[in-house]
């Protein structure tokens, strides 16, 4: 249920003047990895 929040991380940034910055090329697609008895998410940010 948190996938939407993770995906929208790259849509949350503004310049000082308030205009949106397109940083979609800075974020690699999130990686869901098995971890112990569940999963974790790795989010690579350039």
ModelCIF file with pLDDT and N, C-alpha, C, O atoms, coordinates in Angstrom:
data_MODEL
#
_entry.id   MODEL 
#
_entity.id                         1 
_entity.type                       polymer 
_entity.pdbx_number_of_molecules   1 
#
_entity_poly.entity_id                      1 
_entity_poly.type                           'polypeptide(L)' 
_entity_poly.nstd_linkage                   no 
_entity_poly.nstd_monomer                   no 
_entity_poly.pdbx_seq_one_letter_code       
;(UNK)(UNK)(UNK)(UNK)(UNK)(UNK)(UNK)(UNK)(UNK)(UNK)(UNK)(UNK)(UNK)(UNK)(UNK)(UNK)
(UNK)(UNK)(UNK)(UNK)(UNK)(UNK)(UNK)(UNK)(UNK)(UNK)(UNK)(UNK)(UNK)(UNK)(UNK)(UNK)
(UNK)(UNK)(UNK)(UNK)(UNK)(UNK)(UNK)(UNK)(UNK)(UNK)(UNK)(UNK)(UNK)(UNK)
;
_entity_poly.pdbx_seq_one_letter_code_can   XXXXXXXXXXXXXXXXXXXXXXXXXXXXXXXXXXXXXXXXXXXXXX 
_entity_poly.pdbx_strand_id                 A 
#
loop_
_entity_poly_seq.entity_id 
_entity_poly_seq.num 
_entity_poly_seq.mon_id 
_entity_poly_seq.hetero 
1 1  UNK n 
1 2  UNK n 
1 3  UNK n 
1 4  UNK n 
1 5  UNK n 
1 6  UNK n 
1 7  UNK n 
1 8  UNK n 
1 9  UNK n 
1 10 UNK n 
1 11 UNK n 
1 12 UNK n 
1 13 UNK n 
1 14 UNK n 
1 15 UNK n 
1 16 UNK n 
1 17 UNK n 
1 18 UNK n 
1 19 UNK n 
1 20 UNK n 
1 21 UNK n 
1 22 UNK n 
1 23 UNK n 
1 24 UNK n 
1 25 UNK n 
1 26 UNK n 
1 27 UNK n 
1 28 UNK n 
1 29 UNK n 
1 30 UNK n 
1 31 UNK n 
1 32 UNK n 
1 33 UNK n 
1 34 UNK n 
1 35 UNK n 
1 36 UNK n 
1 37 UNK n 
1 38 UNK n 
1 39 UNK n 
1 40 UNK n 
1 41 UNK n 
1 42 UNK n 
1 43 UNK n 
1 44 UNK n 
1 45 UNK n 
1 46 UNK n 
#
_struct_asym.id          A 
_struct_asym.entity_id   1 
#
loop_
_ma_qa_metric.id 
_ma_qa_metric.mode 
_ma_qa_metric.name 
_ma_qa_metric.software_group_id 
_ma_qa_metric.type 
1 global pLDDT . pLDDT 
2 local  pLDDT . pLDDT 
#
_ma_qa_metric_global.metric_id      1 
_ma_qa_metric_global.metric_value   83.02 
_ma_qa_metric_global.model_id       1 
_ma_qa_metric_global.ordinal_id     1 
#
loop_
_ma_qa_metric_local.label_asym_id 
_ma_qa_metric_local.label_comp_id 
_ma_qa_metric_local.label_seq_id 
_ma_qa_metric_local.metric_id 
_ma_qa_metric_local.metric_value 
_ma_qa_metric_local.model_id 
_ma_qa_metric_local.ordinal_id 
A UNK 1  2 79.00 1 1  
A UNK 2  2 80.00 1 2  
A UNK 3  2 81.00 1 3  
A UNK 4  2 80.00 1 4  
A UNK 5  2 79.00 1 5  
A UNK 6  2 80.00 1 6  
A UNK 7  2 76.00 1 7  
A UNK 8  2 76.00 1 8  
A UNK 9  2 75.00 1 9  
A UNK 10 2 71.00 1 10 
A UNK 11 2 73.00 1 11 
A UNK 12 2 74.00 1 12 
A UNK 13 2 72.00 1 13 
A UNK 14 2 73.00 1 14 
A UNK 15 2 75.00 1 15 
A UNK 16 2 76.00 1 16 
A UNK 17 2 80.00 1 17 
A UNK 18 2 76.00 1 18 
A UNK 19 2 80.00 1 19 
A UNK 20 2 80.00 1 20 
A UNK 21 2 77.00 1 21 
A UNK 22 2 75.00 1 22 
A UNK 23 2 75.00 1 23 
A UNK 24 2 75.00 1 24 
A UNK 25 2 77.00 1 25 
A UNK 26 2 77.00 1 26 
A UNK 27 2 79.00 1 27 
A UNK 28 2 84.00 1 28 
A UNK 29 2 86.00 1 29 
A UNK 30 2 88.00 1 30 
A UNK 31 2 91.00 1 31 
A UNK 32 2 92.00 1 32 
A UNK 33 2 94.00 1 33 
A UNK 34 2 95.00 1 34 
A UNK 35 2 96.00 1 35 
A UNK 36 2 96.00 1 36 
A UNK 37 2 93.00 1 37 
A UNK 38 2 95.00 1 38 
A UNK 39 2 95.00 1 39 
A UNK 40 2 95.00 1 40 
A UNK 41 2 93.00 1 41 
A UNK 42 2 94.00 1 42 
A UNK 43 2 91.00 1 43 
A UNK 44 2 92.00 1 44 
A UNK 45 2 90.00 1 45 
A UNK 46 2 88.00 1 46 
#
loop_
_atom_site.group_PDB 
_atom_site.id 
_atom_site.type_symbol 
_atom_site.label_atom_id 
_atom_site.label_alt_id 
_atom_site.label_comp_id 
_atom_site.label_asym_id 
_atom_site.label_entity_id 
_atom_site.label_seq_id 
_atom_site.pdbx_PDB_ins_code 
_atom_site.Cartn_x 
_atom_site.Cartn_y 
_atom_site.Cartn_z 
_atom_site.occupancy 
_atom_site.B_iso_or_equiv 
_atom_site.pdbx_formal_charge 
_atom_site.auth_seq_id 
_atom_site.auth_comp_id 
_atom_site.auth_asym_id 
_atom_site.auth_atom_id 
_atom_site.pdbx_PDB_model_num 
ATOM 1   N N  . UNK A 1 1  ? 0.818  -1.212  0.000   1.00 79.00 ? 1  UNK A N  1 
ATOM 2   C CA . UNK A 1 1  ? 0.000  0.000   0.000   1.00 79.00 ? 1  UNK A CA 1 
ATOM 3   C C  . UNK A 1 1  ? 0.855  1.268   0.000   1.00 79.00 ? 1  UNK A C  1 
ATOM 4   O O  . UNK A 1 1  ? 0.318  2.366   -0.146  1.00 79.00 ? 1  UNK A O  1 
ATOM 5   N N  . UNK A 1 2  ? 2.155  1.141   0.159   1.00 80.00 ? 2  UNK A N  1 
ATOM 6   C CA . UNK A 1 2  ? 3.062  2.298   0.142   1.00 80.00 ? 2  UNK A CA 1 
ATOM 7   C C  . UNK A 1 2  ? 3.702  2.532   -1.217  1.00 80.00 ? 2  UNK A C  1 
ATOM 8   O O  . UNK A 1 2  ? 4.473  3.476   -1.389  1.00 80.00 ? 2  UNK A O  1 
ATOM 9   N N  . UNK A 1 3  ? 3.388  1.682   -2.176  1.00 81.00 ? 3  UNK A N  1 
ATOM 10  C CA . UNK A 1 3  ? 4.020  1.794   -3.485  1.00 81.00 ? 3  UNK A CA 1 
ATOM 11  C C  . UNK A 1 3  ? 3.819  3.173   -4.099  1.00 81.00 ? 3  UNK A C  1 
ATOM 12  O O  . UNK A 1 3  ? 4.742  3.727   -4.696  1.00 81.00 ? 3  UNK A O  1 
ATOM 13  N N  . UNK A 1 4  ? 2.627  3.727   -3.957  1.00 80.00 ? 4  UNK A N  1 
ATOM 14  C CA . UNK A 1 4  ? 2.341  5.042   -4.534  1.00 80.00 ? 4  UNK A CA 1 
ATOM 15  C C  . UNK A 1 4  ? 3.267  6.106   -3.952  1.00 80.00 ? 4  UNK A C  1 
ATOM 16  O O  . UNK A 1 4  ? 3.771  6.951   -4.691  1.00 80.00 ? 4  UNK A O  1 
ATOM 17  N N  . UNK A 1 5  ? 3.498  6.080   -2.639  1.00 79.00 ? 5  UNK A N  1 
ATOM 18  C CA . UNK A 1 5  ? 4.378  7.062   -1.998  1.00 79.00 ? 5  UNK A CA 1 
ATOM 19  C C  . UNK A 1 5  ? 5.815  6.905   -2.478  1.00 79.00 ? 5  UNK A C  1 
ATOM 20  O O  . UNK A 1 5  ? 6.512  7.899   -2.685  1.00 79.00 ? 5  UNK A O  1 
ATOM 21  N N  . UNK A 1 6  ? 6.257  5.681   -2.653  1.00 80.00 ? 6  UNK A N  1 
ATOM 22  C CA . UNK A 1 6  ? 7.616  5.429   -3.118  1.00 80.00 ? 6  UNK A CA 1 
ATOM 23  C C  . UNK A 1 6  ? 7.780  5.924   -4.553  1.00 80.00 ? 6  UNK A C  1 
ATOM 24  O O  . UNK A 1 6  ? 8.776  6.569   -4.882  1.00 80.00 ? 6  UNK A O  1 
ATOM 25  N N  . UNK A 1 7  ? 6.814  5.626   -5.394  1.00 76.00 ? 7  UNK A N  1 
ATOM 26  C CA . UNK A 1 7  ? 6.878  6.030   -6.795  1.00 76.00 ? 7  UNK A CA 1 
ATOM 27  C C  . UNK A 1 7  ? 6.825  7.549   -6.935  1.00 76.00 ? 7  UNK A C  1 
ATOM 28  O O  . UNK A 1 7  ? 7.468  8.104   -7.826  1.00 76.00 ? 7  UNK A O  1 
ATOM 29  N N  . UNK A 1 8  ? 6.076  8.225   -6.078  1.00 76.00 ? 8  UNK A N  1 
ATOM 30  C CA . UNK A 1 8  ? 5.936  9.676   -6.217  1.00 76.00 ? 8  UNK A CA 1 
ATOM 31  C C  . UNK A 1 8  ? 7.089  10.459  -5.582  1.00 76.00 ? 8  UNK A C  1 
ATOM 32  O O  . UNK A 1 8  ? 7.087  11.689  -5.619  1.00 76.00 ? 8  UNK A O  1 
ATOM 33  N N  . UNK A 1 9  ? 8.062  9.772   -5.007  1.00 75.00 ? 9  UNK A N  1 
ATOM 34  C CA . UNK A 1 9  ? 9.218  10.474  -4.437  1.00 75.00 ? 9  UNK A CA 1 
ATOM 35  C C  . UNK A 1 9  ? 9.857  11.429  -5.445  1.00 75.00 ? 9  UNK A C  1 
ATOM 36  O O  . UNK A 1 9  ? 10.314 12.508  -5.069  1.00 75.00 ? 9  UNK A O  1 
ATOM 37  N N  . UNK A 1 10 ? 9.892  11.045  -6.704  1.00 71.00 ? 10 UNK A N  1 
ATOM 38  C CA . UNK A 1 10 ? 10.561 11.898  -7.697  1.00 71.00 ? 10 UNK A CA 1 
ATOM 39  C C  . UNK A 1 10 ? 9.685  13.044  -8.195  1.00 71.00 ? 10 UNK A C  1 
ATOM 40  O O  . UNK A 1 10 ? 10.097 13.777  -9.095  1.00 71.00 ? 10 UNK A O  1 
ATOM 41  N N  . UNK A 1 11 ? 8.503  13.217  -7.644  1.00 73.00 ? 11 UNK A N  1 
ATOM 42  C CA . UNK A 1 11 ? 7.601  14.288  -8.085  1.00 73.00 ? 11 UNK A CA 1 
ATOM 43  C C  . UNK A 1 11 ? 7.418  15.360  -7.013  1.00 73.00 ? 11 UNK A C  1 
ATOM 44  O O  . UNK A 1 11 ? 6.533  16.206  -7.136  1.00 73.00 ? 11 UNK A O  1 
ATOM 45  N N  . UNK A 1 12 ? 8.224  15.337  -5.987  1.00 74.00 ? 12 UNK A N  1 
ATOM 46  C CA . UNK A 1 12 ? 8.012  16.173  -4.820  1.00 74.00 ? 12 UNK A CA 1 
ATOM 47  C C  . UNK A 1 12 ? 8.910  17.395  -4.721  1.00 74.00 ? 12 UNK A C  1 
ATOM 48  O O  . UNK A 1 12 ? 8.899  18.073  -3.694  1.00 74.00 ? 12 UNK A O  1 
ATOM 49  N N  . UNK A 1 13 ? 9.680  17.697  -5.743  1.00 72.00 ? 13 UNK A N  1 
ATOM 50  C CA . UNK A 1 13 ? 10.721 18.706  -5.573  1.00 72.00 ? 13 UNK A CA 1 
ATOM 51  C C  . UNK A 1 13 ? 10.461 19.945  -6.407  1.00 72.00 ? 13 UNK A C  1 
ATOM 52  O O  . UNK A 1 13 ? 10.002 19.873  -7.547  1.00 72.00 ? 13 UNK A O  1 
ATOM 53  N N  . UNK A 1 14 ? 10.772 21.094  -5.799  1.00 73.00 ? 14 UNK A N  1 
ATOM 54  C CA . UNK A 1 14 ? 10.555 22.397  -6.421  1.00 73.00 ? 14 UNK A CA 1 
ATOM 55  C C  . UNK A 1 14 ? 11.845 23.204  -6.409  1.00 73.00 ? 14 UNK A C  1 
ATOM 56  O O  . UNK A 1 14 ? 12.746 22.965  -5.605  1.00 73.00 ? 14 UNK A O  1 
ATOM 57  N N  . UNK A 1 15 ? 11.906 24.163  -7.321  1.00 75.00 ? 15 UNK A N  1 
ATOM 58  C CA . UNK A 1 15 ? 12.982 25.151  -7.281  1.00 75.00 ? 15 UNK A CA 1 
ATOM 59  C C  . UNK A 1 15 ? 12.622 26.190  -6.227  1.00 75.00 ? 15 UNK A C  1 
ATOM 60  O O  . UNK A 1 15 ? 11.513 26.178  -5.692  1.00 75.00 ? 15 UNK A O  1 
ATOM 61  N N  . UNK A 1 16 ? 13.551 27.085  -5.929  1.00 76.00 ? 16 UNK A N  1 
ATOM 62  C CA . UNK A 1 16 ? 13.298 28.120  -4.920  1.00 76.00 ? 16 UNK A CA 1 
ATOM 63  C C  . UNK A 1 16 ? 12.092 28.973  -5.270  1.00 76.00 ? 16 UNK A C  1 
ATOM 64  O O  . UNK A 1 16 ? 11.397 29.458  -4.377  1.00 76.00 ? 16 UNK A O  1 
ATOM 65  N N  . UNK A 1 17 ? 11.833 29.164  -6.558  1.00 80.00 ? 17 UNK A N  1 
ATOM 66  C CA . UNK A 1 17 ? 10.703 29.995  -6.975  1.00 80.00 ? 17 UNK A CA 1 
ATOM 67  C C  . UNK A 1 17 ? 9.369  29.224  -6.945  1.00 80.00 ? 17 UNK A C  1 
ATOM 68  O O  . UNK A 1 17 ? 8.321  29.781  -7.274  1.00 80.00 ? 17 UNK A O  1 
ATOM 69  N N  . UNK A 1 18 ? 9.417  27.947  -6.551  1.00 76.00 ? 18 UNK A N  1 
ATOM 70  C CA . UNK A 1 18 ? 8.204  27.146  -6.433  1.00 76.00 ? 18 UNK A CA 1 
ATOM 71  C C  . UNK A 1 18 ? 7.873  26.292  -7.640  1.00 76.00 ? 18 UNK A C  1 
ATOM 72  O O  . UNK A 1 18 ? 6.988  25.439  -7.569  1.00 76.00 ? 18 UNK A O  1 
ATOM 73  N N  . UNK A 1 19 ? 8.569  26.505  -8.747  1.00 80.00 ? 19 UNK A N  1 
ATOM 74  C CA . UNK A 1 19 ? 8.265  25.695  -9.933  1.00 80.00 ? 19 UNK A CA 1 
ATOM 75  C C  . UNK A 1 19 ? 8.817  24.278  -9.752  1.00 80.00 ? 19 UNK A C  1 
ATOM 76  O O  . UNK A 1 19 ? 9.849  24.074  -9.113  1.00 80.00 ? 19 UNK A O  1 
ATOM 77  N N  . UNK A 1 20 ? 8.125  23.334  -10.312 1.00 80.00 ? 20 UNK A N  1 
ATOM 78  C CA . UNK A 1 20 ? 8.497  21.923  -10.194 1.00 80.00 ? 20 UNK A CA 1 
ATOM 79  C C  . UNK A 1 20 ? 9.789  21.627  -10.946 1.00 80.00 ? 20 UNK A C  1 
ATOM 80  O O  . UNK A 1 20 ? 10.079 22.219  -11.985 1.00 80.00 ? 20 UNK A O  1 
ATOM 81  N N  . UNK A 1 21 ? 10.558 20.691  -10.386 1.00 77.00 ? 21 UNK A N  1 
ATOM 82  C CA . UNK A 1 21 ? 11.779 20.219  -11.032 1.00 77.00 ? 21 UNK A CA 1 
ATOM 83  C C  . UNK A 1 21 ? 11.527 18.786  -11.480 1.00 77.00 ? 21 UNK A C  1 
ATOM 84  O O  . UNK A 1 21 ? 11.034 17.967  -10.706 1.00 77.00 ? 21 UNK A O  1 
ATOM 85  N N  . UNK A 1 22 ? 11.859 18.490  -12.707 1.00 75.00 ? 22 UNK A N  1 
ATOM 86  C CA . UNK A 1 22 ? 11.731 17.118  -13.203 1.00 75.00 ? 22 UNK A CA 1 
ATOM 87  C C  . UNK A 1 22 ? 13.004 16.354  -12.829 1.00 75.00 ? 22 UNK A C  1 
ATOM 88  O O  . UNK A 1 22 ? 14.057 16.548  -13.436 1.00 75.00 ? 22 UNK A O  1 
ATOM 89  N N  . UNK A 1 23 ? 12.891 15.489  -11.830 1.00 75.00 ? 23 UNK A N  1 
ATOM 90  C CA . UNK A 1 23 ? 14.038 14.695  -11.390 1.00 75.00 ? 23 UNK A CA 1 
ATOM 91  C C  . UNK A 1 23 ? 13.810 13.213  -11.657 1.00 75.00 ? 23 UNK A C  1 
ATOM 92  O O  . UNK A 1 23 ? 14.425 12.357  -11.021 1.00 75.00 ? 23 UNK A O  1 
ATOM 93  N N  . UNK A 1 24 ? 12.930 12.919  -12.591 1.00 75.00 ? 24 UNK A N  1 
ATOM 94  C CA . UNK A 1 24 ? 12.597 11.516  -12.860 1.00 75.00 ? 24 UNK A CA 1 
ATOM 95  C C  . UNK A 1 24 ? 13.810 10.706  -13.299 1.00 75.00 ? 24 UNK A C  1 
ATOM 96  O O  . UNK A 1 24 ? 13.866 9.501   -13.056 1.00 75.00 ? 24 UNK A O  1 
ATOM 97  N N  . UNK A 1 25 ? 14.785 11.354  -13.945 1.00 77.00 ? 25 UNK A N  1 
ATOM 98  C CA . UNK A 1 25 ? 15.970 10.619  -14.385 1.00 77.00 ? 25 UNK A CA 1 
ATOM 99  C C  . UNK A 1 25 ? 16.975 10.399  -13.250 1.00 77.00 ? 25 UNK A C  1 
ATOM 100 O O  . UNK A 1 25 ? 17.966 9.693   -13.434 1.00 77.00 ? 25 UNK A O  1 
ATOM 101 N N  . UNK A 1 26 ? 16.732 10.993  -12.090 1.00 77.00 ? 26 UNK A N  1 
ATOM 102 C CA . UNK A 1 26 ? 17.615 10.860  -10.936 1.00 77.00 ? 26 UNK A CA 1 
ATOM 103 C C  . UNK A 1 26 ? 17.295 9.595   -10.132 1.00 77.00 ? 26 UNK A C  1 
ATOM 104 O O  . UNK A 1 26 ? 18.168 9.042   -9.464  1.00 77.00 ? 26 UNK A O  1 
ATOM 105 N N  . UNK A 1 27 ? 16.059 9.150   -10.198 1.00 79.00 ? 27 UNK A N  1 
ATOM 106 C CA . UNK A 1 27 ? 15.608 7.996   -9.426  1.00 79.00 ? 27 UNK A CA 1 
ATOM 107 C C  . UNK A 1 27 ? 15.555 6.758   -10.310 1.00 79.00 ? 27 UNK A C  1 
ATOM 108 O O  . UNK A 1 27 ? 14.875 6.753   -11.336 1.00 79.00 ? 27 UNK A O  1 
ATOM 109 N N  . UNK A 1 28 ? 16.256 5.731   -9.922  1.00 84.00 ? 28 UNK A N  1 
ATOM 110 C CA . UNK A 1 28 ? 16.096 4.444   -10.598 1.00 84.00 ? 28 UNK A CA 1 
ATOM 111 C C  . UNK A 1 28 ? 14.813 3.809   -10.071 1.00 84.00 ? 28 UNK A C  1 
ATOM 112 O O  . UNK A 1 28 ? 14.376 4.145   -8.970  1.00 84.00 ? 28 UNK A O  1 
ATOM 113 N N  . UNK A 1 29 ? 14.202 2.905   -10.821 1.00 86.00 ? 29 UNK A N  1 
ATOM 114 C CA . UNK A 1 29 ? 12.992 2.252   -10.311 1.00 86.00 ? 29 UNK A CA 1 
ATOM 115 C C  . UNK A 1 29 ? 13.286 1.570   -8.976  1.00 86.00 ? 29 UNK A C  1 
ATOM 116 O O  . UNK A 1 29 ? 14.329 0.935   -8.822  1.00 86.00 ? 29 UNK A O  1 
ATOM 117 N N  . UNK A 1 30 ? 12.374 1.697   -8.011  1.00 88.00 ? 30 UNK A N  1 
ATOM 118 C CA . UNK A 1 30 ? 12.587 1.059   -6.711  1.00 88.00 ? 30 UNK A CA 1 
ATOM 119 C C  . UNK A 1 30 ? 12.752 -0.454  -6.870  1.00 88.00 ? 30 UNK A C  1 
ATOM 120 O O  . UNK A 1 30 ? 12.100 -1.075  -7.709  1.00 88.00 ? 30 UNK A O  1 
ATOM 121 N N  . UNK A 1 31 ? 13.623 -1.030  -6.061  1.00 91.00 ? 31 UNK A N  1 
ATOM 122 C CA . UNK A 1 31 ? 13.845 -2.481  -6.065  1.00 91.00 ? 31 UNK A CA 1 
ATOM 123 C C  . UNK A 1 31 ? 13.277 -3.065  -4.779  1.00 91.00 ? 31 UNK A C  1 
ATOM 124 O O  . UNK A 1 31 ? 13.708 -2.709  -3.682  1.00 91.00 ? 31 UNK A O  1 
ATOM 125 N N  . UNK A 1 32 ? 12.317 -3.954  -4.919  1.00 92.00 ? 32 UNK A N  1 
ATOM 126 C CA . UNK A 1 32 ? 11.801 -4.681  -3.760  1.00 92.00 ? 32 UNK A CA 1 
ATOM 127 C C  . UNK A 1 32 ? 12.638 -5.940  -3.635  1.00 92.00 ? 32 UNK A C  1 
ATOM 128 O O  . UNK A 1 32 ? 12.694 -6.752  -4.558  1.00 92.00 ? 32 UNK A O  1 
ATOM 129 N N  . UNK A 1 33 ? 13.295 -6.101  -2.477  1.00 94.00 ? 33 UNK A N  1 
ATOM 130 C CA . UNK A 1 33 ? 14.200 -7.233  -2.274  1.00 94.00 ? 33 UNK A CA 1 
ATOM 131 C C  . UNK A 1 33 ? 13.721 -8.078  -1.104  1.00 94.00 ? 33 UNK A C  1 
ATOM 132 O O  . UNK A 1 33 ? 13.269 -7.542  -0.092  1.00 94.00 ? 33 UNK A O  1 
ATOM 133 N N  . UNK A 1 34 ? 13.816 -9.390  -1.236  1.00 95.00 ? 34 UNK A N  1 
ATOM 134 C CA . UNK A 1 34 ? 13.524 -10.248 -0.091  1.00 95.00 ? 34 UNK A CA 1 
ATOM 135 C C  . UNK A 1 34 ? 14.487 -9.930  1.056   1.00 95.00 ? 34 UNK A C  1 
ATOM 136 O O  . UNK A 1 34 ? 15.682 -9.726  0.846   1.00 95.00 ? 34 UNK A O  1 
ATOM 137 N N  . UNK A 1 35 ? 13.944 -9.894  2.251   1.00 96.00 ? 35 UNK A N  1 
ATOM 138 C CA . UNK A 1 35 ? 14.751 -9.615  3.437   1.00 96.00 ? 35 UNK A CA 1 
ATOM 139 C C  . UNK A 1 35 ? 14.133 -10.358 4.608   1.00 96.00 ? 35 UNK A C  1 
ATOM 140 O O  . UNK A 1 35 ? 12.997 -10.088 4.997   1.00 96.00 ? 35 UNK A O  1 
ATOM 141 N N  . UNK A 1 36 ? 14.890 -11.295 5.169   1.00 96.00 ? 36 UNK A N  1 
ATOM 142 C CA . UNK A 1 36 ? 14.417 -12.142 6.260   1.00 96.00 ? 36 UNK A CA 1 
ATOM 143 C C  . UNK A 1 36 ? 13.078 -12.763 5.869   1.00 96.00 ? 36 UNK A C  1 
ATOM 144 O O  . UNK A 1 36 ? 12.993 -13.470 4.866   1.00 96.00 ? 36 UNK A O  1 
ATOM 145 N N  . UNK A 1 37 ? 12.026 -12.501 6.658   1.00 93.00 ? 37 UNK A N  1 
ATOM 146 C CA . UNK A 1 37 ? 10.728 -13.120 6.361   1.00 93.00 ? 37 UNK A CA 1 
ATOM 147 C C  . UNK A 1 37 ? 9.791  -12.185 5.600   1.00 93.00 ? 37 UNK A C  1 
ATOM 148 O O  . UNK A 1 37 ? 8.580  -12.405 5.580   1.00 93.00 ? 37 UNK A O  1 
ATOM 149 N N  . UNK A 1 38 ? 10.338 -11.154 4.981   1.00 95.00 ? 38 UNK A N  1 
ATOM 150 C CA . UNK A 1 38 ? 9.525  -10.197 4.241   1.00 95.00 ? 38 UNK A CA 1 
ATOM 151 C C  . UNK A 1 38 ? 10.332 -9.555  3.136   1.00 95.00 ? 38 UNK A C  1 
ATOM 152 O O  . UNK A 1 38 ? 11.079 -10.224 2.421   1.00 95.00 ? 38 UNK A O  1 
ATOM 153 N N  . UNK A 1 39 ? 10.173 -8.241  3.002   1.00 95.00 ? 39 UNK A N  1 
ATOM 154 C CA . UNK A 1 39 ? 10.862 -7.489  1.951   1.00 95.00 ? 39 UNK A CA 1 
ATOM 155 C C  . UNK A 1 39 ? 11.324 -6.142  2.473   1.00 95.00 ? 39 UNK A C  1 
ATOM 156 O O  . UNK A 1 39 ? 10.879 -5.670  3.519   1.00 95.00 ? 39 UNK A O  1 
ATOM 157 N N  . UNK A 1 40 ? 12.222 -5.540  1.721   1.00 95.00 ? 40 UNK A N  1 
ATOM 158 C CA . UNK A 1 40 ? 12.622 -4.150  1.897   1.00 95.00 ? 40 UNK A CA 1 
ATOM 159 C C  . UNK A 1 40 ? 12.621 -3.508  0.517   1.00 95.00 ? 40 UNK A C  1 
ATOM 160 O O  . UNK A 1 40 ? 12.485 -4.192  -0.497  1.00 95.00 ? 40 UNK A O  1 
ATOM 161 N N  . UNK A 1 41 ? 12.774 -2.190  0.489   1.00 93.00 ? 41 UNK A N  1 
ATOM 162 C CA . UNK A 1 41 ? 12.853 -1.464  -0.779  1.00 93.00 ? 41 UNK A CA 1 
ATOM 163 C C  . UNK A 1 41 ? 14.189 -0.733  -0.824  1.00 93.00 ? 41 UNK A C  1 
ATOM 164 O O  . UNK A 1 41 ? 14.583 -0.068  0.134   1.00 93.00 ? 41 UNK A O  1 
ATOM 165 N N  . UNK A 1 42 ? 14.875 -0.866  -1.952  1.00 94.00 ? 42 UNK A N  1 
ATOM 166 C CA . UNK A 1 42 ? 16.087 -0.089  -2.205  1.00 94.00 ? 42 UNK A CA 1 
ATOM 167 C C  . UNK A 1 42 ? 15.738 0.974   -3.229  1.00 94.00 ? 42 UNK A C  1 
ATOM 168 O O  . UNK A 1 42 ? 15.224 0.669   -4.305  1.00 94.00 ? 42 UNK A O  1 
ATOM 169 N N  . UNK A 1 43 ? 16.016 2.205   -2.893  1.00 91.00 ? 43 UNK A N  1 
ATOM 170 C CA . UNK A 1 43 ? 15.749 3.313   -3.786  1.00 91.00 ? 43 UNK A CA 1 
ATOM 171 C C  . UNK A 1 43 ? 17.062 4.025   -4.077  1.00 91.00 ? 43 UNK A C  1 
ATOM 172 O O  . UNK A 1 43 ? 17.636 4.680   -3.207  1.00 91.00 ? 43 UNK A O  1 
ATOM 173 N N  . UNK A 1 44 ? 17.525 3.888   -5.309  1.00 92.00 ? 44 UNK A N  1 
ATOM 174 C CA . UNK A 1 44 ? 18.774 4.503   -5.745  1.00 92.00 ? 44 UNK A CA 1 
ATOM 175 C C  . UNK A 1 44 ? 18.484 5.909   -6.246  1.00 92.00 ? 44 UNK A C  1 
ATOM 176 O O  . UNK A 1 44 ? 17.632 6.107   -7.112  1.00 92.00 ? 44 UNK A O  1 
ATOM 177 N N  . UNK A 1 45 ? 19.205 6.889   -5.692  1.00 90.00 ? 45 UNK A N  1 
ATOM 178 C CA . UNK A 1 45 ? 19.030 8.290   -6.063  1.00 90.00 ? 45 UNK A CA 1 
ATOM 179 C C  . UNK A 1 45 ? 20.371 8.823   -6.563  1.00 90.00 ? 45 UNK A C  1 
ATOM 180 O O  . UNK A 1 45 ? 21.372 8.767   -5.849  1.00 90.00 ? 45 UNK A O  1 
ATOM 181 N N  . UNK A 1 46 ? 20.386 9.334   -7.776  1.00 88.00 ? 46 UNK A N  1 
ATOM 182 C CA . UNK A 1 46 ? 21.618 9.872   -8.352  1.00 88.00 ? 46 UNK A CA 1 
ATOM 183 C C  . UNK A 1 46 ? 21.767 11.353  -7.998  1.00 88.00 ? 46 UNK A C  1 
ATOM 184 O O  . UNK A 1 46 ? 22.745 11.988  -8.394  1.00 88.00 ? 46 UNK A O  1 
#
